[in-house]
């Protein structure tokens, strides 16, 4: 079976360690490259230096600075 997410780079933003761990376990089975951030500030700093195919995060951890950055780049945002 062909996995369209294989080798895609995902920024996972969640303030809950347990959630990040569970999501990480499931996504790594599909050879997805995962970088984690605990909040919008940390995610914004990561985005200044790296690019991602997908950003996954909860709306409550996406602060206004990160929302601004997301409007200026072309990528997929998935809110869990």
Protein backbone atom coordinates (compact mmCIF):
# COMPACT_ATOMS: atom_id res chain seq x y z
CA UNK A 1 0.00 0.00 0.00
CA UNK A 2 1.34 3.43 -0.96
CA UNK A 3 1.46 5.90 1.94
CA UNK A 4 1.02 9.49 0.72
CA UNK A 5 2.37 10.82 4.04
CA UNK A 6 5.58 8.79 3.95
CA UNK A 7 8.64 11.00 4.50
CA UNK A 8 6.45 14.07 4.99
CA UNK A 9 7.60 16.46 7.68
CA UNK A 10 5.00 17.35 10.32
CA UNK A 11 5.16 19.95 13.08
CA UNK A 12 3.04 18.64 15.95
CA UNK A 13 1.93 21.41 18.34
CA UNK A 14 0.23 20.30 21.56
CA UNK A 15 0.64 21.34 25.19
CA UNK A 16 -0.09 17.82 26.46
CA UNK A 17 2.92 15.48 26.62
CA UNK A 18 0.71 12.38 26.58
CA UNK A 19 -1.13 13.50 23.43
CA UNK A 20 2.16 14.16 21.64
CA UNK A 21 3.49 10.76 22.67
CA UNK A 22 0.40 8.88 21.40
CA UNK A 23 0.31 10.79 18.10
CA UNK A 24 4.06 10.23 17.67
CA UNK A 25 3.69 6.47 18.17
CA UNK A 26 0.98 6.23 15.52
CA UNK A 27 2.60 8.49 12.93
CA UNK A 28 6.09 6.99 13.14
CA UNK A 29 4.67 3.68 11.94
CA UNK A 30 4.16 5.40 8.59
CA UNK A 31 7.69 6.83 8.28
CA UNK A 32 6.50 10.36 8.95
CA UNK A 33 9.10 12.83 10.18
CA UNK A 34 7.79 14.56 13.32
CA UNK A 35 9.01 17.67 15.13
CA UNK A 36 7.23 18.67 18.34
CA UNK A 37 6.37 21.97 19.98
CA UNK A 38 4.52 22.54 23.26
CA UNK A 39 2.91 25.86 22.30
CA UNK A 40 2.56 28.46 19.61
CA UNK A 41 5.65 30.40 20.69
CA UNK A 42 7.86 27.33 20.40
CA UNK A 43 6.25 26.40 17.08
CA UNK A 44 6.86 29.91 15.71
CA UNK A 45 10.56 29.69 16.61
CA UNK A 46 10.84 26.32 14.89
CA UNK A 47 9.08 27.67 11.78
CA UNK A 48 11.61 30.49 11.49
CA UNK A 49 14.31 27.91 10.66
CA UNK A 50 12.52 24.87 9.25
CA UNK A 51 9.79 24.10 6.76
CA UNK A 52 7.05 21.51 7.12
CA UNK A 53 4.55 19.78 4.88
CA UNK A 54 1.88 19.74 7.60
CA UNK A 55 1.28 21.49 10.91
CA UNK A 56 -0.99 19.73 13.36
CA UNK A 57 -2.14 21.45 16.50
CA UNK A 58 -4.89 22.51 18.82
CA UNK A 59 -6.38 25.93 18.37
CA UNK A 60 -5.82 26.76 22.05
CA UNK A 61 -2.02 26.49 21.69
CA UNK A 62 -1.84 28.51 18.47
CA UNK A 63 -1.18 32.05 19.69
CA UNK A 64 -1.57 35.16 17.55
CA UNK A 65 2.13 35.24 16.53
CA UNK A 66 1.96 31.71 15.15
CA UNK A 67 -1.35 32.47 13.41
CA UNK A 68 0.35 35.40 11.67
CA UNK A 69 3.26 33.23 10.50
CA UNK A 70 0.85 30.57 9.22
CA UNK A 71 -0.91 33.16 7.07
CA UNK A 72 2.37 34.07 5.36
CA UNK A 73 3.42 30.57 4.26
CA UNK A 74 1.88 27.94 2.03
CA UNK A 75 1.20 24.70 3.92
CA UNK A 76 -1.57 22.52 5.29
CA UNK A 77 -2.87 23.17 8.81
CA UNK A 78 -4.84 20.51 10.63
CA UNK A 79 -6.53 21.49 13.87
CA UNK A 80 -7.23 18.52 16.12
